[in-house]
């Protein structure tokens, strides 16, 4: 399964509490931190909710 490289690029200050909670649920602790997650519909939904705070890059498994 493909992986997603997610980088926190904008502060959550001034945004609703649920969006800050989503950032924590994605595994972020600090601004400019990078996490790697499996590409699942759940993770995609979380990213969609905070897409204004993060940047996303796909990391494939390579040729089969």
C-alpha atoms as a PDB file:
ATOM      1  CA  UNK A   1       0.000   0.000   0.000  1.00  0.00           C
ATOM      2  CA  UNK A   2       1.165   3.517  -0.776  1.00  0.00           C
ATOM      3  CA  UNK A   3       2.361   5.884   1.921  1.00  0.00           C
ATOM      4  CA  UNK A   4       1.673   9.574   2.414  1.00  0.00           C
ATOM      5  CA  UNK A   5       4.327  12.028   3.583  1.00  0.00           C
ATOM      6  CA  UNK A   6       2.505  14.780   5.497  1.00  0.00           C
ATOM      7  CA  UNK A   7       4.208  17.989   6.636  1.00  0.00           C
ATOM      8  CA  UNK A   8       2.677  20.487   9.066  1.00  0.00           C
ATOM      9  CA  UNK A   9       3.235  23.880   7.400  1.00  0.00           C
ATOM     10  CA  UNK A  10       0.884  26.325   9.169  1.00  0.00           C
ATOM     11  CA  UNK A  11       0.034  26.912  12.820  1.00  0.00           C
ATOM     12  CA  UNK A  12      -3.313  25.748  14.180  1.00  0.00           C
ATOM     13  CA  UNK A  13      -3.734  28.854  16.341  1.00  0.00           C
ATOM     14  CA  UNK A  14      -7.053  30.521  15.627  1.00  0.00           C
ATOM     15  CA  UNK A  15      -8.619  27.415  14.094  1.00  0.00           C
ATOM     16  CA  UNK A  16     -11.346  25.305  15.708  1.00  0.00           C
ATOM     17  CA  UNK A  17     -10.411  22.860  18.452  1.00  0.00           C
ATOM     18  CA  UNK A  18     -11.476  19.859  16.357  1.00  0.00           C
ATOM     19  CA  UNK A  19      -8.943  20.779  13.660  1.00  0.00           C
ATOM     20  CA  UNK A  20      -6.173  21.019  16.261  1.00  0.00           C
ATOM     21  CA  UNK A  21      -7.324  17.621  17.543  1.00  0.00           C
ATOM     22  CA  UNK A  22      -7.097  16.204  14.040  1.00  0.00           C
ATOM     23  CA  UNK A  23      -3.489  17.393  13.830  1.00  0.00           C
ATOM     24  CA  UNK A  24      -2.722  15.535  17.068  1.00  0.00           C
ATOM     25  CA  UNK A  25      -4.521  12.443  15.775  1.00  0.00           C
ATOM     26  CA  UNK A  26      -2.319  12.536  12.677  1.00  0.00           C
ATOM     27  CA  UNK A  27       0.669  12.384  15.038  1.00  0.00           C
ATOM     28  CA  UNK A  28       1.918  15.964  14.919  1.00  0.00           C
ATOM     29  CA  UNK A  29       3.517  17.718  17.887  1.00  0.00           C
ATOM     30  CA  UNK A  30       5.373  20.682  16.335  1.00  0.00           C
ATOM     31  CA  UNK A  31       5.207  22.945  13.316  1.00  0.00           C
ATOM     32  CA  UNK A  32       7.333  21.746  10.344  1.00  0.00           C
ATOM     33  CA  UNK A  33       7.170  18.170  11.605  1.00  0.00           C
ATOM     34  CA  UNK A  34       6.840  15.388   9.019  1.00  0.00           C
ATOM     35  CA  UNK A  35       4.902  12.147   9.526  1.00  0.00           C
ATOM     36  CA  UNK A  36       4.443   9.140   7.259  1.00  0.00           C
ATOM     37  CA  UNK A  37       1.039   7.431   7.182  1.00  0.00           C
ATOM     38  CA  UNK A  38      -0.618   4.643   5.176  1.00  0.00           C
ATOM     39  CA  UNK A  39      -2.880   5.906   2.380  1.00  0.00           C
ATOM     40  CA  UNK A  40      -6.328   4.959   3.717  1.00  0.00           C
ATOM     41  CA  UNK A  41      -9.722   6.645   3.361  1.00  0.00           C
ATOM     42  CA  UNK A  42      -9.629   7.564   7.070  1.00  0.00           C
ATOM     43  CA  UNK A  43      -6.274   9.340   6.781  1.00  0.00           C
ATOM     44  CA  UNK A  44      -7.396  11.032   3.545  1.00  0.00           C
ATOM     45  CA  UNK A  45     -10.472  12.373   5.354  1.00  0.00           C
ATOM     46  CA  UNK A  46      -8.330  13.725   8.188  1.00  0.00           C
ATOM     47  CA  UNK A  47      -6.006  15.397   5.677  1.00  0.00           C
ATOM     48  CA  UNK A  48      -8.992  16.874   3.838  1.00  0.00           C
ATOM     49  CA  UNK A  49     -10.199  18.438   7.094  1.00  0.00           C
ATOM     50  CA  UNK A  50      -6.876  20.217   7.748  1.00  0.00           C
ATOM     51  CA  UNK A  51      -5.619  20.616   4.157  1.00  0.00           C
ATOM     52  CA  UNK A  52      -4.991  24.339   4.775  1.00  0.00           C
ATOM     53  CA  UNK A  53      -2.467  23.444   7.531  1.00  0.00           C
ATOM     54  CA  UNK A  54      -0.513  20.620   5.854  1.00  0.00           C
ATOM     55  CA  UNK A  55       1.213  19.628   2.634  1.00  0.00           C
ATOM     56  CA  UNK A  56       0.947  16.071   1.327  1.00  0.00           C
ATOM     57  CA  UNK A  57       3.229  14.021  -0.890  1.00  0.00           C
ATOM     58  CA  UNK A  58       2.616  10.467  -2.103  1.00  0.00           C
ATOM     59  CA  UNK A  59       5.341   7.876  -1.728  1.00  0.00           C
ATOM     60  CA  UNK A  60       4.775   4.857  -3.943  1.00  0.00           C
ATOM     61  CA  UNK A  61       6.055   1.331  -3.445  1.00  0.00           C
ATOM     62  CA  UNK A  62       7.938   1.345  -6.740  1.00  0.00           C
ATOM     63  CA  UNK A  63       7.508  -0.930  -9.766  1.00  0.00           C
ATOM     64  CA  UNK A  64       6.058  -4.416  -9.356  1.00  0.00           C
END
